[in-house]
Amino acid sequence: MLSPSDLARFHELLVARFHALLSIGGGDIHPGIYGQEITYARAVNRRRDDVEAELVRRFNESGQGMFYGICRGAQLGAATLGFELIQDVPIEIPDSGEHAVGSEGAQDAAHISAWHEVDIAPGSFLAEAVGSTRMQVNRDRKSTRLNSSHGY
């Protein structure tokens, strides 16, 4: 593990060198990142979240390039910009419809397949690549759709 000063320097080097930052999936983001207490979030890693959130903040403040987030990464990007997240959609928004389907008694994201529609920015590289501005995503590794893993 890097010392706080070495970590800050490492972040500076990454921001200065790269013109794109990709944040990937994983467990839920610690609600402390967006000013909440843990109510429904699971599989949180506050150290990871703090380190990644600081890198995302520095990168966005630099204006050096484009930030990309996949599932958890998109949530982290939103949280670092000051948005609040919903820790558990089916519990907090009961009429949201079916959001996750998993094996009975599943306790972690590895056993849950979450499906939902996502909007894709018109004219973006992704929209051009998939030929659509809307698609369904899931975590099925054999699917031709985009993959998304959720920690419900």
N, C-alpha and C. Protein backbone atom coordinates (compact mmCIF):
# COMPACT_ATOMS: atom_id res chain seq x y z
N MET A 1 0.84 -1.17 0.00
CA MET A 1 0.00 0.00 0.00
C MET A 1 0.90 1.24 0.00
N LEU A 2 0.50 2.22 -0.78
CA LEU A 2 1.26 3.46 -0.88
C LEU A 2 0.94 4.39 0.29
N SER A 3 1.92 5.16 0.68
CA SER A 3 1.69 6.18 1.70
C SER A 3 0.78 7.25 1.11
N PRO A 4 0.11 8.05 1.93
CA PRO A 4 -0.75 9.10 1.39
C PRO A 4 -0.04 10.04 0.42
N SER A 5 1.21 10.40 0.72
CA SER A 5 1.92 11.30 -0.19
C SER A 5 2.30 10.61 -1.50
N ASP A 6 2.69 9.33 -1.42
CA ASP A 6 3.00 8.58 -2.64
C ASP A 6 1.75 8.34 -3.48
N LEU A 7 0.63 8.09 -2.82
CA LEU A 7 -0.61 7.89 -3.53
C LEU A 7 -1.03 9.17 -4.25
N ALA A 8 -0.89 10.31 -3.60
CA ALA A 8 -1.21 11.59 -4.23
C ALA A 8 -0.32 11.81 -5.45
N ARG A 9 0.95 11.51 -5.33
CA ARG A 9 1.88 11.66 -6.46
C ARG A 9 1.52 10.71 -7.59
N PHE A 10 1.15 9.47 -7.24
CA PHE A 10 0.73 8.49 -8.24
C PHE A 10 -0.49 8.99 -8.99
N HIS A 11 -1.45 9.53 -8.27
CA HIS A 11 -2.64 10.11 -8.92
C HIS A 11 -2.24 11.24 -9.86
N GLU A 12 -1.34 12.10 -9.43
CA GLU A 12 -0.88 13.21 -10.28
C GLU A 12 -0.26 12.68 -11.58
N LEU A 13 0.56 11.64 -11.46
CA LEU A 13 1.20 11.06 -12.65
C LEU A 13 0.17 10.46 -13.60
N LEU A 14 -0.82 9.74 -13.06
CA LEU A 14 -1.86 9.15 -13.91
C LEU A 14 -2.65 10.23 -14.64
N VAL A 15 -3.03 11.26 -13.91
CA VAL A 15 -3.82 12.35 -14.51
C VAL A 15 -3.03 13.06 -15.59
N ALA A 16 -1.74 13.28 -15.35
CA ALA A 16 -0.91 14.00 -16.32
C ALA A 16 -0.63 13.16 -17.57
N ARG A 17 -0.56 11.85 -17.42
CA ARG A 17 -0.12 11.00 -18.53
C ARG A 17 -1.25 10.51 -19.44
N PHE A 18 -2.43 10.26 -18.87
CA PHE A 18 -3.49 9.62 -19.64
C PHE A 18 -4.61 10.58 -19.97
N HIS A 19 -5.22 10.36 -21.12
CA HIS A 19 -6.30 11.21 -21.60
C HIS A 19 -7.67 10.55 -21.46
N ALA A 20 -7.69 9.39 -20.81
CA ALA A 20 -8.95 8.71 -20.53
C ALA A 20 -8.78 7.92 -19.24
N LEU A 21 -9.86 7.83 -18.49
CA LEU A 21 -9.86 7.07 -17.25
C LEU A 21 -11.07 6.16 -17.27
N LEU A 22 -10.85 4.87 -17.02
CA LEU A 22 -11.92 3.88 -16.98
C LEU A 22 -12.02 3.34 -15.56
N SER A 23 -13.20 3.44 -14.99
CA SER A 23 -13.47 2.87 -13.67
C SER A 23 -14.43 1.71 -13.88
N ILE A 24 -14.07 0.55 -13.32
CA ILE A 24 -14.82 -0.67 -13.60
C ILE A 24 -15.73 -1.08 -12.44
N GLY A 25 -16.35 -2.23 -12.58
CA GLY A 25 -17.33 -2.74 -11.62
C GLY A 25 -16.73 -3.28 -10.34
N GLY A 26 -17.62 -3.74 -9.49
CA GLY A 26 -17.23 -4.29 -8.20
C GLY A 26 -18.40 -4.20 -7.24
N GLY A 27 -18.09 -4.23 -5.97
CA GLY A 27 -19.13 -4.14 -4.94
C GLY A 27 -19.75 -2.76 -4.89
N ASP A 28 -20.71 -2.61 -4.01
CA ASP A 28 -21.38 -1.33 -3.85
C ASP A 28 -20.38 -0.26 -3.38
N ILE A 29 -20.67 0.97 -3.73
CA ILE A 29 -19.86 2.10 -3.28
C ILE A 29 -20.25 2.45 -1.86
N HIS A 30 -19.28 2.72 -1.02
CA HIS A 30 -19.58 3.08 0.36
C HIS A 30 -20.42 4.35 0.36
N PRO A 31 -21.58 4.33 1.00
CA PRO A 31 -22.45 5.50 1.00
C PRO A 31 -21.81 6.76 1.59
N GLY A 32 -20.78 6.62 2.38
CA GLY A 32 -20.08 7.79 2.90
C GLY A 32 -19.51 8.65 1.79
N ILE A 33 -19.22 8.07 0.63
CA ILE A 33 -18.69 8.81 -0.52
C ILE A 33 -19.71 9.85 -0.99
N TYR A 34 -21.01 9.53 -0.87
CA TYR A 34 -22.05 10.47 -1.29
C TYR A 34 -22.90 10.96 -0.12
N GLY A 35 -22.30 10.94 1.08
CA GLY A 35 -22.90 11.59 2.24
C GLY A 35 -24.02 10.84 2.94
N GLN A 36 -24.06 9.53 2.80
CA GLN A 36 -25.08 8.74 3.48
C GLN A 36 -24.43 7.71 4.40
N GLU A 37 -25.24 7.19 5.31
CA GLU A 37 -24.84 6.06 6.13
C GLU A 37 -25.21 4.78 5.38
N ILE A 38 -24.58 3.67 5.74
CA ILE A 38 -24.93 2.39 5.13
C ILE A 38 -26.32 1.97 5.63
N THR A 39 -27.23 1.78 4.69
CA THR A 39 -28.54 1.21 5.02
C THR A 39 -28.71 -0.11 4.29
N TYR A 40 -28.47 -0.11 2.97
CA TYR A 40 -28.64 -1.33 2.18
C TYR A 40 -27.40 -1.73 1.39
N ALA A 41 -26.41 -0.88 1.31
CA ALA A 41 -25.20 -1.18 0.53
C ALA A 41 -24.51 -2.42 1.10
N ARG A 42 -23.97 -3.24 0.19
CA ARG A 42 -23.27 -4.47 0.59
C ARG A 42 -21.92 -4.53 -0.11
N ALA A 43 -21.06 -5.36 0.41
CA ALA A 43 -19.75 -5.61 -0.20
C ALA A 43 -18.97 -4.32 -0.43
N VAL A 44 -19.02 -3.40 0.53
CA VAL A 44 -18.32 -2.13 0.37
C VAL A 44 -16.87 -2.25 0.80
N ASN A 45 -16.03 -1.44 0.19
CA ASN A 45 -14.61 -1.38 0.54
C ASN A 45 -14.26 0.11 0.58
N ARG A 46 -14.33 0.70 1.77
CA ARG A 46 -14.15 2.14 1.90
C ARG A 46 -12.79 2.60 1.41
N ARG A 47 -11.75 1.84 1.67
CA ARG A 47 -10.40 2.23 1.22
C ARG A 47 -10.36 2.32 -0.31
N ARG A 48 -10.86 1.29 -0.98
CA ARG A 48 -10.88 1.32 -2.46
C ARG A 48 -11.68 2.52 -2.94
N ASP A 49 -12.85 2.74 -2.34
CA ASP A 49 -13.71 3.83 -2.77
C ASP A 49 -13.04 5.19 -2.58
N ASP A 50 -12.38 5.38 -1.45
CA ASP A 50 -11.70 6.65 -1.20
C ASP A 50 -10.58 6.90 -2.21
N VAL A 51 -9.78 5.85 -2.47
CA VAL A 51 -8.66 5.98 -3.41
C VAL A 51 -9.18 6.26 -4.82
N GLU A 52 -10.15 5.49 -5.26
CA GLU A 52 -10.68 5.67 -6.61
C GLU A 52 -11.42 7.00 -6.76
N ALA A 53 -12.19 7.38 -5.74
CA ALA A 53 -12.94 8.64 -5.80
C ALA A 53 -11.97 9.83 -5.92
N GLU A 54 -10.89 9.78 -5.19
CA GLU A 54 -9.91 10.87 -5.27
C GLU A 54 -9.28 10.94 -6.66
N LEU A 55 -8.97 9.79 -7.25
CA LEU A 55 -8.42 9.78 -8.62
C LEU A 55 -9.43 10.34 -9.61
N VAL A 56 -10.69 9.93 -9.49
CA VAL A 56 -11.73 10.42 -10.39
C VAL A 56 -11.89 11.94 -10.23
N ARG A 57 -11.89 12.42 -8.98
CA ARG A 57 -12.00 13.87 -8.74
C ARG A 57 -10.85 14.63 -9.41
N ARG A 58 -9.63 14.15 -9.19
CA ARG A 58 -8.46 14.82 -9.77
C ARG A 58 -8.53 14.80 -11.30
N PHE A 59 -8.92 13.66 -11.85
CA PHE A 59 -9.00 13.54 -13.30
C PHE A 59 -10.04 14.50 -13.86
N ASN A 60 -11.21 14.53 -13.25
CA ASN A 60 -12.27 15.43 -13.74
C ASN A 60 -11.87 16.90 -13.59
N GLU A 61 -11.23 17.25 -12.49
CA GLU A 61 -10.79 18.63 -12.27
C GLU A 61 -9.72 19.06 -13.26
N SER A 62 -8.92 18.11 -13.73
CA SER A 62 -7.83 18.44 -14.65
C SER A 62 -8.33 18.82 -16.03
N GLY A 63 -9.49 18.29 -16.41
CA GLY A 63 -9.99 18.53 -17.76
C GLY A 63 -9.13 17.89 -18.84
N GLN A 64 -8.31 16.90 -18.47
CA GLN A 64 -7.36 16.28 -19.40
C GLN A 64 -7.98 15.34 -20.41
N GLY A 65 -9.14 14.82 -20.12
CA GLY A 65 -9.68 13.83 -21.04
C GLY A 65 -11.06 13.36 -20.62
N MET A 66 -11.39 12.14 -21.00
CA MET A 66 -12.72 11.60 -20.81
C MET A 66 -12.72 10.54 -19.72
N PHE A 67 -13.71 10.61 -18.84
CA PHE A 67 -13.91 9.59 -17.82
C PHE A 67 -14.98 8.62 -18.31
N TYR A 68 -14.71 7.33 -18.17
CA TYR A 68 -15.66 6.29 -18.52
C TYR A 68 -15.90 5.42 -17.30
N GLY A 69 -17.14 5.05 -17.07
CA GLY A 69 -17.46 4.18 -15.95
C GLY A 69 -18.33 3.03 -16.40
N ILE A 70 -17.99 1.84 -15.96
CA ILE A 70 -18.79 0.66 -16.23
C ILE A 70 -19.46 0.26 -14.93
N CYS A 71 -20.77 0.30 -14.91
CA CYS A 71 -21.59 -0.07 -13.77
C CYS A 71 -21.14 0.65 -12.50
N ARG A 72 -20.45 -0.02 -11.61
CA ARG A 72 -19.97 0.60 -10.38
C ARG A 72 -19.14 1.84 -10.69
N GLY A 73 -18.36 1.78 -11.75
CA GLY A 73 -17.54 2.92 -12.13
C GLY A 73 -18.37 4.14 -12.49
N ALA A 74 -19.49 3.92 -13.18
CA ALA A 74 -20.39 5.02 -13.50
C ALA A 74 -21.01 5.59 -12.23
N GLN A 75 -21.34 4.70 -11.31
CA GLN A 75 -21.90 5.15 -10.02
C GLN A 75 -20.86 5.95 -9.24
N LEU A 76 -19.61 5.51 -9.27
CA LEU A 76 -18.54 6.23 -8.58
C LEU A 76 -18.35 7.61 -9.20
N GLY A 77 -18.38 7.67 -10.53
CA GLY A 77 -18.25 8.96 -11.20
C GLY A 77 -19.36 9.90 -10.78
N ALA A 78 -20.59 9.41 -10.74
CA ALA A 78 -21.72 10.25 -10.32
C ALA A 78 -21.56 10.71 -8.88
N ALA A 79 -21.15 9.80 -8.01
CA ALA A 79 -20.98 10.14 -6.58
C ALA A 79 -19.90 11.20 -6.39
N THR A 80 -18.81 11.11 -7.15
CA THR A 80 -17.73 12.10 -6.99
C THR A 80 -18.13 13.46 -7.54
N LEU A 81 -19.14 13.49 -8.39
CA LEU A 81 -19.65 14.77 -8.90
C LEU A 81 -20.73 15.35 -8.00
N GLY A 82 -21.02 14.67 -6.89
CA GLY A 82 -21.97 15.19 -5.92
C GLY A 82 -23.36 14.61 -5.97
N PHE A 83 -23.59 13.63 -6.84
CA PHE A 83 -24.90 13.00 -6.91
C PHE A 83 -25.02 11.95 -5.81
N GLU A 84 -26.24 11.72 -5.34
CA GLU A 84 -26.51 10.66 -4.39
C GLU A 84 -26.96 9.43 -5.14
N LEU A 85 -26.65 8.27 -4.59
CA LEU A 85 -27.07 7.01 -5.19
C LEU A 85 -28.18 6.39 -4.35
N ILE A 86 -28.95 5.54 -4.98
CA ILE A 86 -29.95 4.75 -4.27
C ILE A 86 -29.27 3.44 -3.92
N GLN A 87 -29.21 3.12 -2.63
CA GLN A 87 -28.46 1.95 -2.20
C GLN A 87 -29.11 0.63 -2.61
N ASP A 88 -30.42 0.56 -2.66
CA ASP A 88 -31.10 -0.66 -3.07
C ASP A 88 -32.40 -0.27 -3.77
N VAL A 89 -32.38 -0.30 -5.09
CA VAL A 89 -33.52 0.18 -5.88
C VAL A 89 -34.81 -0.56 -5.52
N PRO A 90 -34.86 -1.90 -5.51
CA PRO A 90 -36.13 -2.57 -5.23
C PRO A 90 -36.70 -2.24 -3.84
N ILE A 91 -35.86 -2.01 -2.86
CA ILE A 91 -36.34 -1.69 -1.51
C ILE A 91 -36.74 -0.23 -1.41
N GLU A 92 -35.92 0.66 -1.92
CA GLU A 92 -36.16 2.09 -1.77
C GLU A 92 -37.18 2.65 -2.77
N ILE A 93 -37.35 1.95 -3.90
CA ILE A 93 -38.34 2.36 -4.89
C ILE A 93 -39.16 1.10 -5.23
N PRO A 94 -40.12 0.76 -4.38
CA PRO A 94 -40.85 -0.50 -4.54
C PRO A 94 -41.54 -0.69 -5.88
N ASP A 95 -41.98 0.37 -6.53
CA ASP A 95 -42.68 0.22 -7.81
C ASP A 95 -41.74 0.31 -9.01
N SER A 96 -40.44 0.07 -8.79
CA SER A 96 -39.45 0.18 -9.86
C SER A 96 -39.45 -1.01 -10.81
N GLY A 97 -40.23 -2.03 -10.49
CA GLY A 97 -40.27 -3.21 -11.34
C GLY A 97 -39.15 -4.16 -10.98
N GLU A 98 -39.11 -5.29 -11.69
CA GLU A 98 -38.08 -6.28 -11.41
C GLU A 98 -36.73 -5.75 -11.84
N HIS A 99 -35.78 -5.77 -10.95
CA HIS A 99 -34.46 -5.22 -11.23
C HIS A 99 -33.38 -6.29 -11.22
N ALA A 100 -33.53 -7.30 -10.40
CA ALA A 100 -32.51 -8.34 -10.32
C ALA A 100 -33.18 -9.70 -10.17
N VAL A 101 -32.60 -10.69 -10.81
CA VAL A 101 -33.09 -12.04 -10.69
C VAL A 101 -31.90 -12.90 -10.31
N GLY A 102 -31.99 -13.60 -9.20
CA GLY A 102 -30.86 -14.40 -8.77
C GLY A 102 -31.29 -15.75 -8.26
N SER A 103 -30.30 -16.59 -7.95
CA SER A 103 -30.63 -17.88 -7.39
C SER A 103 -31.17 -17.67 -5.98
N GLU A 104 -32.07 -18.52 -5.58
CA GLU A 104 -32.69 -18.35 -4.28
C GLU A 104 -31.64 -18.35 -3.18
N GLY A 105 -31.70 -17.35 -2.33
CA GLY A 105 -30.75 -17.24 -1.23
C GLY A 105 -29.41 -16.66 -1.62
N ALA A 106 -29.28 -16.16 -2.84
CA ALA A 106 -28.00 -15.57 -3.27
C ALA A 106 -27.63 -14.42 -2.36
N GLN A 107 -26.39 -14.37 -1.91
CA GLN A 107 -25.94 -13.34 -1.00
C GLN A 107 -24.92 -12.40 -1.60
N ASP A 108 -24.47 -12.67 -2.80
CA ASP A 108 -23.47 -11.78 -3.38
C ASP A 108 -23.71 -11.59 -4.87
N ALA A 109 -23.01 -10.64 -5.44
CA ALA A 109 -23.22 -10.27 -6.84
C ALA A 109 -22.89 -11.41 -7.80
N ALA A 110 -22.03 -12.32 -7.40
CA ALA A 110 -21.65 -13.41 -8.30
C ALA A 110 -22.82 -14.33 -8.60
N HIS A 111 -23.85 -14.33 -7.77
CA HIS A 111 -24.98 -15.22 -7.96
C HIS A 111 -26.23 -14.50 -8.46
N ILE A 112 -26.11 -13.25 -8.80
CA ILE A 112 -27.27 -12.47 -9.22
C ILE A 112 -27.07 -11.94 -10.63
N SER A 113 -28.06 -12.12 -11.46
CA SER A 113 -28.03 -11.56 -12.81
C SER A 113 -28.99 -10.38 -12.85
N ALA A 114 -28.48 -9.20 -13.06
CA ALA A 114 -29.31 -8.00 -13.09
C ALA A 114 -29.48 -7.53 -14.53
N TRP A 115 -30.70 -7.28 -14.93
CA TRP A 115 -31.03 -6.84 -16.27
C TRP A 115 -31.71 -5.50 -16.21
N HIS A 116 -31.35 -4.60 -17.08
CA HIS A 116 -32.05 -3.33 -17.18
C HIS A 116 -31.67 -2.64 -18.48
N GLU A 117 -32.51 -1.69 -18.88
CA GLU A 117 -32.27 -0.93 -20.09
C GLU A 117 -31.34 0.25 -19.78
N VAL A 118 -30.47 0.57 -20.71
CA VAL A 118 -29.62 1.75 -20.57
C VAL A 118 -29.74 2.59 -21.84
N ASP A 119 -29.63 3.89 -21.67
CA ASP A 119 -29.60 4.81 -22.81
C ASP A 119 -28.16 5.07 -23.20
N ILE A 120 -27.91 5.16 -24.49
CA ILE A 120 -26.57 5.42 -25.01
C ILE A 120 -26.61 6.76 -25.73
N ALA A 121 -25.65 7.60 -25.50
CA ALA A 121 -25.61 8.93 -26.11
C ALA A 121 -25.61 8.81 -27.63
N PRO A 122 -26.58 9.46 -28.29
CA PRO A 122 -26.60 9.45 -29.76
C PRO A 122 -25.30 10.01 -30.33
N GLY A 123 -24.81 9.38 -31.37
CA GLY A 123 -23.58 9.83 -32.00
C GLY A 123 -22.30 9.40 -31.30
N SER A 124 -22.42 8.73 -30.14
CA SER A 124 -21.23 8.29 -29.42
C SER A 124 -20.62 7.07 -30.10
N PHE A 125 -19.38 6.77 -29.73
CA PHE A 125 -18.70 5.61 -30.28
C PHE A 125 -19.50 4.34 -29.99
N LEU A 126 -20.02 4.22 -28.75
CA LEU A 126 -20.77 3.03 -28.38
C LEU A 126 -22.05 2.91 -29.21
N ALA A 127 -22.78 4.02 -29.37
CA ALA A 127 -24.01 3.99 -30.17
C ALA A 127 -23.71 3.55 -31.61
N GLU A 128 -22.62 4.04 -32.16
CA GLU A 128 -22.23 3.64 -33.52
C GLU A 128 -21.85 2.17 -33.56
N ALA A 129 -21.14 1.71 -32.54
CA ALA A 129 -20.67 0.32 -32.52
C ALA A 129 -21.82 -0.68 -32.39
N VAL A 130 -22.83 -0.35 -31.56
CA VAL A 130 -23.93 -1.29 -31.36
C VAL A 130 -25.13 -1.00 -32.25
N GLY A 131 -25.12 0.15 -32.94
CA GLY A 131 -26.19 0.49 -33.85
C GLY A 131 -27.50 0.85 -33.17
N SER A 132 -27.40 1.37 -31.94
CA SER A 132 -28.61 1.71 -31.20
C SER A 132 -28.28 2.74 -30.12
N THR A 133 -29.31 3.42 -29.65
CA THR A 133 -29.12 4.35 -28.53
C THR A 133 -29.80 3.81 -27.28
N ARG A 134 -30.22 2.56 -27.32
CA ARG A 134 -30.83 1.92 -26.15
C ARG A 134 -30.55 0.42 -26.23
N MET A 135 -30.19 -0.17 -25.09
CA MET A 135 -29.97 -1.61 -25.08
C MET A 135 -30.14 -2.16 -23.67
N GLN A 136 -30.31 -3.46 -23.60
CA GLN A 136 -30.44 -4.13 -22.32
C GLN A 136 -29.05 -4.62 -21.90
N VAL A 137 -28.72 -4.47 -20.63
CA VAL A 137 -27.43 -4.94 -20.13
C VAL A 137 -27.66 -5.97 -19.04
N ASN A 138 -26.71 -6.85 -18.89
CA ASN A 138 -26.76 -7.86 -17.83
C ASN A 138 -25.35 -8.29 -17.48
N ARG A 139 -25.22 -9.24 -16.60
CA ARG A 139 -23.89 -9.71 -16.21
C ARG A 139 -23.58 -11.08 -16.80
N ASP A 140 -24.39 -11.57 -17.71
CA ASP A 140 -24.19 -12.87 -18.34
C ASP A 140 -22.98 -12.80 -19.25
N ARG A 141 -21.92 -13.48 -18.89
CA ARG A 141 -20.66 -13.42 -19.63
C ARG A 141 -20.78 -14.00 -21.05
N LYS A 142 -21.79 -14.85 -21.32
CA LYS A 142 -21.95 -15.45 -22.63
C LYS A 142 -22.87 -14.62 -23.51
N SER A 143 -23.43 -13.55 -22.98
CA SER A 143 -24.38 -12.74 -23.72
C SER A 143 -23.66 -11.87 -24.74
N THR A 144 -24.38 -11.52 -25.80
CA THR A 144 -23.84 -10.58 -26.77
C THR A 144 -24.12 -9.15 -26.32
N ARG A 145 -24.83 -8.98 -25.22
CA ARG A 145 -25.14 -7.66 -24.69
C ARG A 145 -23.97 -7.18 -23.84
N LEU A 146 -24.05 -5.93 -23.43
CA LEU A 146 -23.03 -5.41 -22.52
C LEU A 146 -23.12 -6.10 -21.18
N ASN A 147 -22.02 -6.21 -20.47
CA ASN A 147 -22.02 -6.84 -19.16
C ASN A 147 -22.08 -5.81 -18.06
N SER A 148 -22.81 -6.13 -17.02
CA SER A 148 -22.95 -5.23 -15.87
C SER A 148 -23.12 -6.09 -14.64
N SER A 149 -22.34 -5.84 -13.61
CA SER A 149 -22.44 -6.62 -12.39
C SER A 149 -22.90 -5.72 -11.26
N HIS A 150 -23.87 -6.17 -10.50
CA HIS A 150 -24.45 -5.37 -9.43
C HIS A 150 -24.32 -6.11 -8.11
N GLY A 151 -24.07 -5.38 -7.03
CA GLY A 151 -23.98 -5.97 -5.70
C GLY A 151 -25.26 -5.82 -4.93
N TYR A 152 -26.30 -6.52 -5.31
CA TYR A 152 -27.58 -6.43 -4.59
C TYR A 152 -27.64 -7.45 -3.52
